Structures are given as C-alpha cells and as structure tokens.
Amino acid sequence: MNRLLLSLLLTAPALAFAAPSSQVAWTPEQLNFVKAGNAQKGRDLAAPCASCHGDIGISATPAFPSLAGQLPTYVFKQLQDYADASRDNPIMTGIAKGLSKQDMADLAAWFASLPPPPAAFVSADLKQAKTLVTQGDNERLLVPCEVCHGNDGQGQKLDIPALGGQQAEYLSATLTAFKDGSRHNDVYGKMRLIAKTLTEKEIEALGVYYQNMK
C-alpha cells in the first residue's frame, strides 16, 4: 500500500505539468506489430550495430549500452524516438532516420532474442544503492527502482527497460542526462523527476549496482 501511495504521489506532478515526450502510442496494433518483428531479418540489419553494441548485443565500451535481452518494445520506442527527434544523439539519430518501422521491429526482435549480458561484478559499497532499489526513500517520495524495473532488473513491457548487467557508466550517464534534462523522452517526465532527487554519488552507485546484478 505504501508503495502504491508513493507511486501515485510521484506520478501526479508529472501528469499535471508534463506532456508526453514520445510519439510512440502503445495501441494493441502497435504492440502486435512489434511482437511480430522478424529476428532473423533483424540479425542481418544489426551487422553495422556491432561496432558499438557488440556482435551479440553486449557492448565492450562503457559509452554504449548493451542491447542483448532488452525488451523489444523498449528498443523499438528508442529507435522511433531517435528518428523523430524525441531523443537526441548525433550517431543514432542518423541511423534511425534510415530505418523503416519494420526494420525497427525486426531489430528489436533480434536483440530481445539474445541472452542478456552477464553481471560484471565491481567491488563497491552499494548499501545505499540497494536501499534505493529495494525500499526507495519515503522522505523524497522515491518509489523503489524495482517497482518498475523488476527485482532482478528485468524491466517491464512497454517503455521500462531491463537494467541487469548493463554498463555501469552508461546507466550513470543516462541518469545524469535525465537529471539535467538533456534526455527528455521519458513519458510524462517520470525519470526526470526521479533523477533530479538523486545525488551524483547515488547515480554512480546505482549504475554499479545494476551492472553487478545477475
């Protein structure tokens, strides 16, 4: 009950003051379209992606996210957001603009079919990060991260990504981008509201926490 109340308190300001930050509408037809993506065609399309995201969707460079095992709806949405400038990136914007919606669905299906990245354990004091993930912070009206991203970082359908095993540096950079507003394709500004309450130390620790997650 407390988690539900906190979730409502957190969401209410966003619903009141923020507009949708993506052109993707998750209608049944859209969901079925993404679900029907062809992974084998996606594999062929993904060949140029390997230089940044790895041959099997696991990036070797902290600046780029691993995509293996990511939810297809999330990958599809991000590609759409890059294409219509809801999300900014000088590399990905140009790539996404060259893809059809079918290409995006096929790529999403391919990356979703791959085994997720393994945990890359880094020794660190992560007690505070674990508290944020599993308990949240009542004083800051922060719901636990696992309410949306799952207790093992698996994410949820639609626009909530899997985080387990992701590059720590990339996750921390993403939270920082939400915090300073340079990334703004979170629907109704939910992640921006959360990130603004986090300290730099917490952001760094959360990145390591999820990278360590099996």
N, C-alpha and C. Protein backbone atom coordinates (compact mmCIF):
# COMPACT_ATOMS: atom_id res chain seq x y z
N MET A 1 0.82 -1.20 0.00
CA MET A 1 0.00 0.00 0.00
C MET A 1 0.86 1.26 0.00
N ASN A 2 1.91 1.25 0.82
CA ASN A 2 2.81 2.40 0.86
C ASN A 2 3.45 2.65 -0.49
N ARG A 3 3.85 1.55 -1.18
CA ARG A 3 4.47 1.71 -2.49
C ARG A 3 3.49 2.30 -3.48
N LEU A 4 2.24 1.87 -3.42
CA LEU A 4 1.23 2.41 -4.33
C LEU A 4 1.02 3.89 -4.07
N LEU A 5 0.94 4.28 -2.80
CA LEU A 5 0.76 5.68 -2.46
C LEU A 5 1.92 6.52 -2.95
N LEU A 6 3.14 6.02 -2.72
CA LEU A 6 4.31 6.76 -3.18
C LEU A 6 4.32 6.89 -4.69
N SER A 7 3.91 5.82 -5.37
CA SER A 7 3.88 5.85 -6.82
C SER A 7 2.90 6.91 -7.33
N LEU A 8 1.73 6.99 -6.68
CA LEU A 8 0.75 7.98 -7.09
C LEU A 8 1.24 9.40 -6.81
N LEU A 9 1.89 9.59 -5.66
CA LEU A 9 2.42 10.90 -5.33
C LEU A 9 3.49 11.34 -6.30
N LEU A 10 4.31 10.38 -6.71
CA LEU A 10 5.39 10.69 -7.65
C LEU A 10 4.85 11.01 -9.02
N THR A 11 3.84 10.27 -9.44
CA THR A 11 3.34 10.41 -10.80
C THR A 11 2.46 11.63 -10.97
N ALA A 12 1.74 12.02 -9.94
CA ALA A 12 0.77 13.11 -10.06
C ALA A 12 1.37 14.40 -10.59
N PRO A 13 2.52 14.89 -10.04
CA PRO A 13 3.08 16.13 -10.57
C PRO A 13 3.46 16.01 -12.03
N ALA A 14 3.94 14.86 -12.42
CA ALA A 14 4.34 14.67 -13.81
C ALA A 14 3.13 14.74 -14.72
N LEU A 15 2.04 14.09 -14.31
CA LEU A 15 0.84 14.10 -15.13
C LEU A 15 0.26 15.50 -15.25
N ALA A 16 0.44 16.28 -14.20
CA ALA A 16 -0.15 17.60 -14.19
C ALA A 16 0.62 18.59 -15.05
N PHE A 17 1.94 18.47 -15.09
CA PHE A 17 2.74 19.53 -15.69
C PHE A 17 3.53 19.11 -16.93
N ALA A 18 3.63 17.82 -17.20
CA ALA A 18 4.47 17.38 -18.33
C ALA A 18 3.63 16.79 -19.43
N ALA A 19 4.06 17.00 -20.65
CA ALA A 19 3.39 16.42 -21.80
C ALA A 19 4.12 15.15 -22.21
N PRO A 20 3.44 14.28 -22.95
CA PRO A 20 4.12 13.09 -23.43
C PRO A 20 5.39 13.46 -24.19
N SER A 21 6.47 12.72 -23.97
CA SER A 21 7.76 13.04 -24.56
C SER A 21 8.16 12.04 -25.62
N SER A 22 7.18 11.42 -26.25
CA SER A 22 7.44 10.44 -27.30
C SER A 22 6.23 10.40 -28.21
N GLN A 23 6.48 10.08 -29.47
CA GLN A 23 5.39 9.98 -30.44
C GLN A 23 4.84 8.55 -30.52
N VAL A 24 5.43 7.62 -29.77
CA VAL A 24 5.00 6.23 -29.81
C VAL A 24 3.79 6.05 -28.92
N ALA A 25 2.70 5.56 -29.50
CA ALA A 25 1.48 5.26 -28.74
C ALA A 25 1.30 3.75 -28.70
N TRP A 26 1.23 3.20 -27.49
CA TRP A 26 1.16 1.74 -27.36
C TRP A 26 -0.27 1.24 -27.48
N THR A 27 -0.76 1.29 -28.70
CA THR A 27 -2.06 0.70 -29.01
C THR A 27 -1.89 -0.80 -29.18
N PRO A 28 -2.99 -1.57 -29.11
CA PRO A 28 -2.88 -3.02 -29.36
C PRO A 28 -2.24 -3.32 -30.71
N GLU A 29 -2.56 -2.50 -31.70
CA GLU A 29 -1.99 -2.73 -33.04
C GLU A 29 -0.48 -2.51 -33.04
N GLN A 30 -0.04 -1.47 -32.34
CA GLN A 30 1.40 -1.20 -32.26
C GLN A 30 2.12 -2.31 -31.52
N LEU A 31 1.54 -2.77 -30.42
CA LEU A 31 2.16 -3.86 -29.66
C LEU A 31 2.26 -5.12 -30.50
N ASN A 32 1.21 -5.45 -31.23
CA ASN A 32 1.23 -6.64 -32.09
C ASN A 32 2.25 -6.50 -33.21
N PHE A 33 2.38 -5.27 -33.72
CA PHE A 33 3.36 -5.03 -34.78
C PHE A 33 4.78 -5.31 -34.28
N VAL A 34 5.11 -4.81 -33.10
CA VAL A 34 6.44 -5.04 -32.55
C VAL A 34 6.63 -6.51 -32.21
N LYS A 35 5.60 -7.14 -31.66
CA LYS A 35 5.66 -8.55 -31.30
C LYS A 35 5.94 -9.42 -32.52
N ALA A 36 5.47 -9.00 -33.68
CA ALA A 36 5.64 -9.78 -34.91
C ALA A 36 6.97 -9.50 -35.61
N GLY A 37 7.86 -8.74 -34.99
CA GLY A 37 9.16 -8.46 -35.60
C GLY A 37 9.92 -9.74 -35.94
N ASN A 38 10.66 -9.71 -37.04
CA ASN A 38 11.38 -10.87 -37.54
C ASN A 38 12.84 -10.81 -37.05
N ALA A 39 13.18 -11.67 -36.11
CA ALA A 39 14.52 -11.65 -35.51
C ALA A 39 15.61 -11.98 -36.51
N GLN A 40 15.32 -12.86 -37.45
CA GLN A 40 16.35 -13.23 -38.43
C GLN A 40 16.67 -12.07 -39.37
N LYS A 41 15.65 -11.34 -39.77
CA LYS A 41 15.90 -10.14 -40.56
C LYS A 41 16.62 -9.09 -39.72
N GLY A 42 16.24 -9.04 -38.45
CA GLY A 42 16.90 -8.10 -37.54
C GLY A 42 18.38 -8.40 -37.39
N ARG A 43 18.72 -9.69 -37.37
CA ARG A 43 20.13 -10.08 -37.26
C ARG A 43 20.94 -9.51 -38.41
N ASP A 44 20.41 -9.57 -39.62
CA ASP A 44 21.12 -9.02 -40.78
C ASP A 44 21.23 -7.50 -40.68
N LEU A 45 20.15 -6.87 -40.25
CA LEU A 45 20.16 -5.41 -40.11
C LEU A 45 21.14 -4.95 -39.04
N ALA A 46 21.37 -5.81 -38.04
CA ALA A 46 22.19 -5.43 -36.88
C ALA A 46 23.68 -5.50 -37.15
N ALA A 47 24.10 -6.00 -38.29
CA ALA A 47 25.53 -6.14 -38.55
C ALA A 47 26.30 -4.84 -38.32
N PRO A 48 25.83 -3.69 -38.83
CA PRO A 48 26.57 -2.44 -38.58
C PRO A 48 26.54 -1.99 -37.12
N CYS A 49 25.57 -2.51 -36.35
CA CYS A 49 25.43 -2.10 -34.94
C CYS A 49 26.54 -2.68 -34.06
N ALA A 50 27.19 -3.74 -34.57
CA ALA A 50 28.15 -4.48 -33.75
C ALA A 50 29.33 -3.61 -33.31
N SER A 51 29.70 -2.62 -34.11
CA SER A 51 30.87 -1.81 -33.76
C SER A 51 30.67 -1.06 -32.45
N CYS A 52 29.43 -0.74 -32.11
CA CYS A 52 29.14 -0.06 -30.85
C CYS A 52 28.52 -0.97 -29.80
N HIS A 53 27.61 -1.84 -30.25
CA HIS A 53 26.83 -2.64 -29.31
C HIS A 53 27.28 -4.10 -29.20
N GLY A 54 28.33 -4.45 -29.92
CA GLY A 54 28.87 -5.81 -29.82
C GLY A 54 28.21 -6.80 -30.77
N ASP A 55 28.94 -7.85 -31.13
CA ASP A 55 28.45 -8.86 -32.07
C ASP A 55 27.20 -9.57 -31.56
N ILE A 56 27.11 -9.75 -30.25
CA ILE A 56 25.94 -10.43 -29.68
C ILE A 56 25.19 -9.46 -28.75
N GLY A 57 25.26 -8.20 -29.07
CA GLY A 57 24.49 -7.20 -28.34
C GLY A 57 25.06 -6.80 -27.00
N ILE A 58 26.30 -7.20 -26.71
CA ILE A 58 26.93 -6.85 -25.44
C ILE A 58 28.09 -5.90 -25.74
N SER A 59 27.94 -4.67 -25.34
CA SER A 59 28.92 -3.65 -25.65
C SER A 59 30.19 -3.83 -24.83
N ALA A 60 31.32 -3.60 -25.47
CA ALA A 60 32.60 -3.64 -24.77
C ALA A 60 33.04 -2.25 -24.37
N THR A 61 32.26 -1.24 -24.75
CA THR A 61 32.61 0.15 -24.49
C THR A 61 31.57 0.79 -23.58
N PRO A 62 31.99 1.32 -22.44
CA PRO A 62 31.02 1.87 -21.48
C PRO A 62 30.13 2.97 -22.03
N ALA A 63 30.57 3.63 -23.08
CA ALA A 63 29.77 4.73 -23.64
C ALA A 63 28.52 4.24 -24.34
N PHE A 64 28.50 2.96 -24.70
CA PHE A 64 27.37 2.42 -25.46
C PHE A 64 26.66 1.33 -24.66
N PRO A 65 25.33 1.28 -24.73
CA PRO A 65 24.60 0.28 -23.96
C PRO A 65 24.66 -1.10 -24.59
N SER A 66 24.58 -2.11 -23.75
CA SER A 66 24.33 -3.47 -24.25
C SER A 66 22.85 -3.58 -24.56
N LEU A 67 22.53 -4.24 -25.66
CA LEU A 67 21.13 -4.37 -26.09
C LEU A 67 20.63 -5.81 -26.01
N ALA A 68 21.52 -6.75 -25.76
CA ALA A 68 21.13 -8.16 -25.69
C ALA A 68 20.10 -8.37 -24.59
N GLY A 69 19.01 -9.04 -24.92
CA GLY A 69 17.98 -9.35 -23.95
C GLY A 69 17.09 -8.17 -23.58
N GLN A 70 17.28 -7.04 -24.24
CA GLN A 70 16.45 -5.88 -23.92
C GLN A 70 15.03 -6.09 -24.44
N LEU A 71 14.06 -5.50 -23.76
CA LEU A 71 12.67 -5.65 -24.18
C LEU A 71 12.49 -5.08 -25.59
N PRO A 72 11.82 -5.81 -26.47
CA PRO A 72 11.66 -5.33 -27.85
C PRO A 72 10.88 -4.02 -27.93
N THR A 73 9.89 -3.86 -27.06
CA THR A 73 9.12 -2.62 -27.08
C THR A 73 9.99 -1.42 -26.72
N TYR A 74 10.92 -1.64 -25.79
CA TYR A 74 11.80 -0.53 -25.39
C TYR A 74 12.74 -0.16 -26.54
N VAL A 75 13.36 -1.15 -27.17
CA VAL A 75 14.27 -0.87 -28.29
C VAL A 75 13.52 -0.18 -29.43
N PHE A 76 12.34 -0.69 -29.75
CA PHE A 76 11.53 -0.09 -30.81
C PHE A 76 11.23 1.38 -30.49
N LYS A 77 10.80 1.64 -29.26
CA LYS A 77 10.47 3.01 -28.87
C LYS A 77 11.68 3.93 -28.98
N GLN A 78 12.85 3.46 -28.53
CA GLN A 78 14.03 4.32 -28.59
C GLN A 78 14.41 4.64 -30.03
N LEU A 79 14.32 3.66 -30.91
CA LEU A 79 14.63 3.90 -32.32
C LEU A 79 13.65 4.91 -32.92
N GLN A 80 12.37 4.76 -32.58
CA GLN A 80 11.37 5.73 -33.04
C GLN A 80 11.67 7.12 -32.50
N ASP A 81 12.03 7.17 -31.22
CA ASP A 81 12.30 8.47 -30.60
C ASP A 81 13.52 9.14 -31.23
N TYR A 82 14.54 8.35 -31.56
CA TYR A 82 15.69 8.93 -32.27
C TYR A 82 15.27 9.46 -33.64
N ALA A 83 14.45 8.71 -34.33
CA ALA A 83 14.06 9.08 -35.69
C ALA A 83 13.25 10.37 -35.73
N ASP A 84 12.39 10.58 -34.72
CA ASP A 84 11.55 11.79 -34.75
C ASP A 84 12.07 12.89 -33.82
N ALA A 85 13.31 12.72 -33.33
CA ALA A 85 14.00 13.73 -32.51
C ALA A 85 13.42 13.89 -31.11
N SER A 86 12.65 12.90 -30.65
CA SER A 86 12.22 12.92 -29.25
C SER A 86 13.41 12.62 -28.33
N ARG A 87 14.39 11.90 -28.85
CA ARG A 87 15.63 11.63 -28.13
C ARG A 87 16.79 12.04 -29.01
N ASP A 88 17.79 12.68 -28.44
CA ASP A 88 18.89 13.25 -29.22
C ASP A 88 20.16 12.42 -29.10
N ASN A 89 20.78 12.13 -30.23
CA ASN A 89 22.10 11.51 -30.27
C ASN A 89 22.62 11.66 -31.69
N PRO A 90 23.78 12.26 -31.87
CA PRO A 90 24.26 12.54 -33.23
C PRO A 90 24.48 11.30 -34.08
N ILE A 91 24.81 10.18 -33.44
CA ILE A 91 25.02 8.93 -34.19
C ILE A 91 23.69 8.24 -34.45
N MET A 92 22.93 8.03 -33.39
CA MET A 92 21.71 7.23 -33.51
C MET A 92 20.61 7.94 -34.29
N THR A 93 20.57 9.24 -34.25
CA THR A 93 19.53 9.96 -35.00
C THR A 93 19.64 9.67 -36.48
N GLY A 94 20.86 9.77 -37.01
CA GLY A 94 21.05 9.49 -38.43
C GLY A 94 20.74 8.06 -38.80
N ILE A 95 21.14 7.12 -37.94
CA ILE A 95 20.86 5.70 -38.20
C ILE A 95 19.37 5.43 -38.19
N ALA A 96 18.68 5.93 -37.16
CA ALA A 96 17.26 5.65 -37.02
C ALA A 96 16.44 6.25 -38.15
N LYS A 97 16.84 7.41 -38.63
CA LYS A 97 16.10 8.03 -39.73
C LYS A 97 16.16 7.19 -41.01
N GLY A 98 17.17 6.34 -41.09
CA GLY A 98 17.30 5.49 -42.27
C GLY A 98 16.58 4.16 -42.16
N LEU A 99 15.90 3.94 -41.04
CA LEU A 99 15.19 2.68 -40.81
C LEU A 99 13.69 2.85 -41.01
N SER A 100 13.08 1.82 -41.56
CA SER A 100 11.62 1.80 -41.60
C SER A 100 11.11 1.29 -40.26
N LYS A 101 9.82 1.43 -40.02
CA LYS A 101 9.26 0.91 -38.78
C LYS A 101 9.40 -0.60 -38.72
N GLN A 102 9.32 -1.24 -39.87
CA GLN A 102 9.50 -2.69 -39.90
C GLN A 102 10.94 -3.05 -39.53
N ASP A 103 11.89 -2.29 -40.04
CA ASP A 103 13.29 -2.51 -39.66
C ASP A 103 13.46 -2.40 -38.14
N MET A 104 12.83 -1.40 -37.56
CA MET A 104 12.94 -1.18 -36.11
C MET A 104 12.37 -2.37 -35.34
N ALA A 105 11.23 -2.86 -35.79
CA ALA A 105 10.60 -4.01 -35.12
C ALA A 105 11.48 -5.25 -35.26
N ASP A 106 12.10 -5.42 -36.43
CA ASP A 106 12.96 -6.59 -36.65
C ASP A 106 14.23 -6.50 -35.79
N LEU A 107 14.81 -5.33 -35.73
CA LEU A 107 15.99 -5.14 -34.88
C LEU A 107 15.65 -5.38 -33.41
N ALA A 108 14.51 -4.87 -32.99
CA ALA A 108 14.08 -5.06 -31.61
C ALA A 108 13.90 -6.54 -31.29
N ALA A 109 13.33 -7.28 -32.24
CA ALA A 109 13.12 -8.72 -32.05
C ALA A 109 14.46 -9.45 -31.96
N TRP A 110 15.44 -9.04 -32.76
CA TRP A 110 16.75 -9.69 -32.74
C TRP A 110 17.46 -9.48 -31.41
N PHE A 111 17.53 -8.26 -30.97
CA PHE A 111 18.23 -8.00 -29.71
C PHE A 111 17.51 -8.66 -28.52
N ALA A 112 16.20 -8.69 -28.58
CA ALA A 112 15.44 -9.34 -27.50
C ALA A 112 15.69 -10.84 -27.45
N SER A 113 16.03 -11.43 -28.58
CA SER A 113 16.24 -12.88 -28.64
C SER A 113 17.59 -13.31 -28.08
N LEU A 114 18.49 -12.37 -27.86
CA LEU A 114 19.85 -12.69 -27.40
C LEU A 114 19.89 -12.83 -25.88
N PRO A 115 20.77 -13.70 -25.37
CA PRO A 115 20.91 -13.81 -23.91
C PRO A 115 21.36 -12.48 -23.31
N PRO A 116 20.77 -12.07 -22.21
CA PRO A 116 21.15 -10.78 -21.60
C PRO A 116 22.59 -10.79 -21.13
N PRO A 117 23.18 -9.63 -20.97
CA PRO A 117 24.59 -9.56 -20.54
C PRO A 117 24.76 -10.14 -19.14
N PRO A 118 25.87 -10.83 -18.92
CA PRO A 118 26.12 -11.35 -17.57
C PRO A 118 26.53 -10.23 -16.63
N ALA A 119 26.42 -10.49 -15.34
CA ALA A 119 26.86 -9.50 -14.36
C ALA A 119 28.36 -9.28 -14.50
N ALA A 120 28.78 -8.04 -14.40
CA ALA A 120 30.21 -7.70 -14.43
C ALA A 120 30.55 -7.11 -13.08
N PHE A 121 30.89 -7.96 -12.13
CA PHE A 121 30.99 -7.55 -10.74
C PHE A 121 32.11 -6.53 -10.52
N VAL A 122 31.75 -5.46 -9.84
CA VAL A 122 32.70 -4.43 -9.42
C VAL A 122 32.52 -4.25 -7.92
N SER A 123 33.62 -4.38 -7.18
CA SER A 123 33.54 -4.24 -5.72
C SER A 123 33.30 -2.78 -5.35
N ALA A 124 32.25 -2.56 -4.56
CA ALA A 124 31.93 -1.19 -4.13
C ALA A 124 30.93 -1.27 -2.99
N ASP A 125 30.84 -0.19 -2.24
CA ASP A 125 29.84 -0.10 -1.18
C ASP A 125 28.51 0.31 -1.81
N LEU A 126 27.61 -0.66 -1.90
CA LEU A 126 26.36 -0.42 -2.61
C LEU A 126 25.14 -0.49 -1.69
N LYS A 127 25.36 -0.30 -0.38
CA LYS A 127 24.24 -0.39 0.56
C LYS A 127 23.18 0.66 0.26
N GLN A 128 23.63 1.88 -0.01
CA GLN A 128 22.67 2.95 -0.28
C GLN A 128 21.92 2.69 -1.58
N ALA A 129 22.66 2.21 -2.59
CA ALA A 129 22.01 1.89 -3.86
C ALA A 129 20.98 0.78 -3.69
N LYS A 130 21.33 -0.24 -2.92
CA LYS A 130 20.39 -1.34 -2.68
C LYS A 130 19.14 -0.84 -1.99
N THR A 131 19.30 0.08 -1.05
CA THR A 131 18.14 0.65 -0.36
C THR A 131 17.23 1.38 -1.34
N LEU A 132 17.82 2.16 -2.24
CA LEU A 132 17.02 2.87 -3.24
C LEU A 132 16.29 1.90 -4.15
N VAL A 133 16.96 0.82 -4.51
CA VAL A 133 16.37 -0.16 -5.43
C VAL A 133 15.25 -0.94 -4.76
N THR A 134 15.46 -1.36 -3.53
CA THR A 134 14.51 -2.26 -2.87
C THR A 134 13.51 -1.57 -1.95
N GLN A 135 13.87 -0.38 -1.45
CA GLN A 135 12.98 0.29 -0.49
C GLN A 135 12.58 1.69 -0.91
N GLY A 136 13.37 2.33 -1.77
CA GLY A 136 13.09 3.70 -2.13
C GLY A 136 13.47 4.65 -1.01
N ASP A 137 12.86 5.82 -1.02
CA ASP A 137 13.14 6.82 0.01
C ASP A 137 11.86 7.61 0.26
N ASN A 138 11.22 7.35 1.39
CA ASN A 138 9.94 8.00 1.70
C ASN A 138 10.06 9.52 1.78
N GLU A 139 11.17 9.99 2.33
CA GLU A 139 11.34 11.44 2.50
C GLU A 139 11.37 12.18 1.17
N ARG A 140 11.92 11.51 0.17
CA ARG A 140 11.99 12.13 -1.16
C ARG A 140 10.87 11.64 -2.08
N LEU A 141 9.94 10.87 -1.53
CA LEU A 141 8.84 10.31 -2.30
C LEU A 141 9.35 9.47 -3.48
N LEU A 142 10.44 8.75 -3.24
CA LEU A 142 11.01 7.89 -4.27
C LEU A 142 10.51 6.46 -4.07
N VAL A 143 9.83 5.94 -5.08
CA VAL A 143 9.43 4.54 -5.02
C VAL A 143 10.67 3.69 -5.29
N PRO A 144 10.72 2.45 -4.81
CA PRO A 144 11.86 1.58 -5.10
C PRO A 144 12.02 1.38 -6.61
N CYS A 145 13.25 1.38 -7.07
CA CYS A 145 13.51 1.18 -8.50
C CYS A 145 12.91 -0.14 -9.00
N GLU A 146 12.89 -1.16 -8.12
CA GLU A 146 12.42 -2.46 -8.55
C GLU A 146 10.92 -2.50 -8.80
N VAL A 147 10.17 -1.50 -8.33
CA VAL A 147 8.74 -1.45 -8.62
C VAL A 147 8.52 -1.40 -10.13
N CYS A 148 9.35 -0.65 -10.83
CA CYS A 148 9.22 -0.54 -12.29
C CYS A 148 10.17 -1.47 -13.04
N HIS A 149 11.42 -1.54 -12.57
CA HIS A 149 12.44 -2.27 -13.31
C HIS A 149 12.59 -3.73 -12.89
N GLY A 150 11.80 -4.17 -11.91
CA GLY A 150 11.82 -5.56 -11.50
C GLY A 150 12.86 -5.86 -10.44
N ASN A 151 12.61 -6.90 -9.66
CA ASN A 151 13.55 -7.21 -8.56
C ASN A 151 14.84 -7.84 -9.05
N ASP A 152 14.90 -8.22 -10.31
CA ASP A 152 16.17 -8.69 -10.87
C ASP A 152 16.57 -7.86 -12.09
N GLY A 153 16.01 -6.66 -12.17
CA GLY A 153 16.38 -5.74 -13.25
C GLY A 153 15.89 -6.14 -14.62
N GLN A 154 14.82 -6.94 -14.68
CA GLN A 154 14.35 -7.46 -15.95
C GLN A 154 13.49 -6.48 -16.74
N GLY A 155 13.07 -5.38 -16.12
CA GLY A 155 12.22 -4.42 -16.80
C GLY A 155 10.79 -4.92 -16.93
N GLN A 156 9.96 -4.10 -17.59
CA GLN A 156 8.58 -4.46 -17.84
C GLN A 156 8.23 -4.04 -19.25
N LYS A 157 7.16 -4.66 -19.77
CA LYS A 157 6.77 -4.35 -21.15
C LYS A 157 6.47 -2.87 -21.31
N LEU A 158 6.41 -2.45 -22.53
CA LEU A 158 6.27 -1.06 -22.94
C LEU A 158 7.59 -0.31 -22.76
N ASP A 159 7.64 0.74 -21.97
CA ASP A 159 8.82 1.62 -22.02
C ASP A 159 9.72 1.53 -20.81
N ILE A 160 9.68 0.42 -20.07
CA ILE A 160 10.53 0.28 -18.88
C ILE A 160 11.63 -0.72 -19.18
N PRO A 161 12.88 -0.27 -19.34
CA PRO A 161 13.94 -1.16 -19.82
C PRO A 161 14.48 -2.12 -18.77
N ALA A 162 15.03 -3.22 -19.25
CA ALA A 162 15.83 -4.11 -18.41
C ALA A 162 17.15 -3.40 -18.10
N LEU A 163 17.61 -3.53 -16.84
CA LEU A 163 18.84 -2.86 -16.42
C LEU A 163 19.92 -3.83 -15.95
N GLY A 164 19.56 -5.06 -15.61
CA GLY A 164 20.53 -6.00 -15.07
C GLY A 164 21.66 -6.29 -16.04
N GLY A 165 22.91 -6.12 -15.57
CA GLY A 165 24.08 -6.40 -16.40
C GLY A 165 24.46 -5.27 -17.33
N GLN A 166 23.71 -4.19 -17.31
CA GLN A 166 24.01 -3.06 -18.21
C GLN A 166 25.31 -2.37 -17.78
N GLN A 167 25.94 -1.70 -18.72
CA GLN A 167 27.17 -0.96 -18.43
C GLN A 167 26.91 0.09 -17.35
N ALA A 168 27.70 0.04 -16.28
CA ALA A 168 27.51 0.98 -15.17
C ALA A 168 27.68 2.43 -15.62
N GLU A 169 28.72 2.66 -16.40
CA GLU A 169 28.99 4.03 -16.84
C GLU A 169 27.86 4.56 -17.71
N TYR A 170 27.31 3.68 -18.55
CA TYR A 170 26.20 4.10 -19.41
C TYR A 170 24.97 4.41 -18.58
N LEU A 171 24.65 3.55 -17.61
CA LEU A 171 23.48 3.79 -16.77
C LEU A 171 23.62 5.10 -15.99
N SER A 172 24.80 5.33 -15.44
CA SER A 172 25.03 6.55 -14.68
C SER A 172 24.91 7.78 -15.58
N ALA A 173 25.43 7.67 -16.79
CA ALA A 173 25.33 8.79 -17.74
C ALA A 173 23.88 9.04 -18.12
N THR A 174 23.10 7.98 -18.23
CA THR A 174 21.69 8.12 -18.57
C THR A 174 20.93 8.82 -17.45
N LEU A 175 21.17 8.41 -16.21
CA LEU A 175 20.52 9.07 -15.09
C LEU A 175 20.92 10.54 -15.00
N THR A 176 22.18 10.83 -15.27
CA THR A 176 22.64 12.21 -15.26
C THR A 176 21.94 13.02 -16.35
N ALA A 177 21.75 12.41 -17.51
CA ALA A 177 21.07 13.10 -18.60
C ALA A 177 19.61 13.38 -18.26
N PHE A 178 18.96 12.45 -17.58
CA PHE A 178 17.60 12.72 -17.11
C PHE A 178 17.62 13.83 -16.05
N LYS A 179 18.62 13.79 -15.18
CA LYS A 179 18.70 14.77 -14.10
C LYS A 179 18.87 16.20 -14.63
N ASP A 180 19.72 16.36 -15.64
CA ASP A 180 19.95 17.71 -16.16
C ASP A 180 19.01 18.07 -17.32
N GLY A 181 18.14 17.12 -17.71
CA GLY A 181 17.14 17.41 -18.73
C GLY A 181 17.61 17.24 -20.15
N SER A 182 18.88 16.85 -20.35
CA SER A 182 19.36 16.68 -21.72
C SER A 182 18.76 15.45 -22.39
N ARG A 183 18.27 14.51 -21.61
CA ARG A 183 17.45 13.44 -22.16
C ARG A 183 16.03 13.66 -21.66
N HIS A 184 15.07 13.63 -22.57
CA HIS A 184 13.71 14.03 -22.21
C HIS A 184 12.65 13.20 -22.93
N ASN A 185 12.96 11.95 -23.24
CA ASN A 185 11.95 11.13 -23.90
C ASN A 185 11.30 10.14 -22.95
N ASP A 186 11.38 10.42 -21.66
CA ASP A 186 10.65 9.64 -20.67
C ASP A 186 9.22 10.16 -20.61
N VAL A 187 8.25 9.31 -20.84
CA VAL A 187 6.86 9.74 -20.93
C VAL A 187 6.42 10.38 -19.63
N TYR A 188 5.85 11.59 -19.75
CA TYR A 188 5.40 12.39 -18.61
C TYR A 188 6.52 12.75 -17.64
N GLY A 189 7.77 12.67 -18.10
CA GLY A 189 8.89 13.13 -17.29
C GLY A 189 9.15 12.33 -16.03
N LYS A 190 8.72 11.08 -15.98
CA LYS A 190 8.85 10.30 -14.75
C LYS A 190 10.29 10.12 -14.31
N MET A 191 11.17 9.76 -15.24
CA MET A 191 12.57 9.55 -14.85
C MET A 191 13.28 10.85 -14.53
N ARG A 192 12.87 11.93 -15.16
CA ARG A 192 13.48 13.23 -14.85
C ARG A 192 13.14 13.64 -13.42
N LEU A 193 11.91 13.40 -13.01
CA LEU A 193 11.51 13.72 -11.64
C LEU A 193 12.32 12.92 -10.63
N ILE A 194 12.52 11.64 -10.94
CA ILE A 194 13.28 10.77 -10.04
C ILE A 194 14.75 11.19 -10.01
N ALA A 195 15.34 11.34 -11.19
CA ALA A 195 16.78 11.61 -11.27
C ALA A 195 17.16 12.93 -10.61
N LYS A 196 16.28 13.91 -10.67
CA LYS A 196 16.58 15.21 -10.07
C LYS A 196 16.77 15.13 -8.57
N THR A 197 16.22 14.11 -7.93
CA THR A 197 16.35 13.98 -6.48
C THR A 197 17.61 13.22 -6.08
N LEU A 198 18.29 12.60 -7.05
CA LEU A 198 19.45 11.76 -6.75
C LEU A 198 20.74 12.57 -6.73
N THR A 199 21.64 12.20 -5.84
CA THR A 199 22.96 12.81 -5.82
C THR A 199 23.85 12.14 -6.86
N GLU A 200 24.97 12.78 -7.17
CA GLU A 200 25.92 12.19 -8.11
C GLU A 200 26.44 10.85 -7.58
N LYS A 201 26.69 10.80 -6.29
CA LYS A 201 27.18 9.55 -5.69
C LYS A 201 26.15 8.44 -5.81
N GLU A 202 24.88 8.76 -5.60
CA GLU A 202 23.82 7.76 -5.73
C GLU A 202 23.69 7.29 -7.17
N ILE A 203 23.81 8.20 -8.11
CA ILE A 203 23.72 7.85 -9.52
C ILE A 203 24.84 6.89 -9.92
N GLU A 204 26.04 7.19 -9.47
CA GLU A 204 27.18 6.32 -9.76
C GLU A 204 26.98 4.94 -9.13
N ALA A 205 26.51 4.90 -7.89
CA ALA A 205 26.32 3.64 -7.19
C ALA A 205 25.21 2.81 -7.83
N LEU A 206 24.15 3.44 -8.29
CA LEU A 206 23.06 2.71 -8.95
C LEU A 206 23.55 2.06 -10.24
N GLY A 207 24.41 2.77 -10.97
CA GLY A 207 24.97 2.17 -12.18
C GLY A 207 25.74 0.90 -11.89
N VAL A 208 26.60 0.95 -10.86
CA VAL A 208 27.38 -0.23 -10.48
C VAL A 208 26.47 -1.32 -9.95
N TYR A 209 25.45 -0.96 -9.18
CA TYR A 209 24.54 -1.95 -8.61
C TYR A 209 23.89 -2.78 -9.71
N TYR A 210 23.39 -2.13 -10.73
CA TYR A 210 22.72 -2.87 -11.81
C TYR A 210 23.71 -3.61 -12.69
N GLN A 211 24.90 -3.08 -12.87
CA GLN A 211 25.92 -3.82 -13.63
C GLN A 211 26.28 -5.11 -12.91
N ASN A 212 26.30 -5.08 -11.59
CA ASN A 212 26.64 -6.27 -10.79
C ASN A 212 25.51 -7.30 -10.75
N MET A 213 24.33 -6.90 -11.14
CA MET A 213 23.16 -7.76 -10.99
C MET A 213 23.16 -8.91 -11.98
N LYS A 214 22.93 -10.11 -11.48
CA LYS A 214 22.86 -11.28 -12.33
C LYS A 214 21.45 -11.43 -12.92
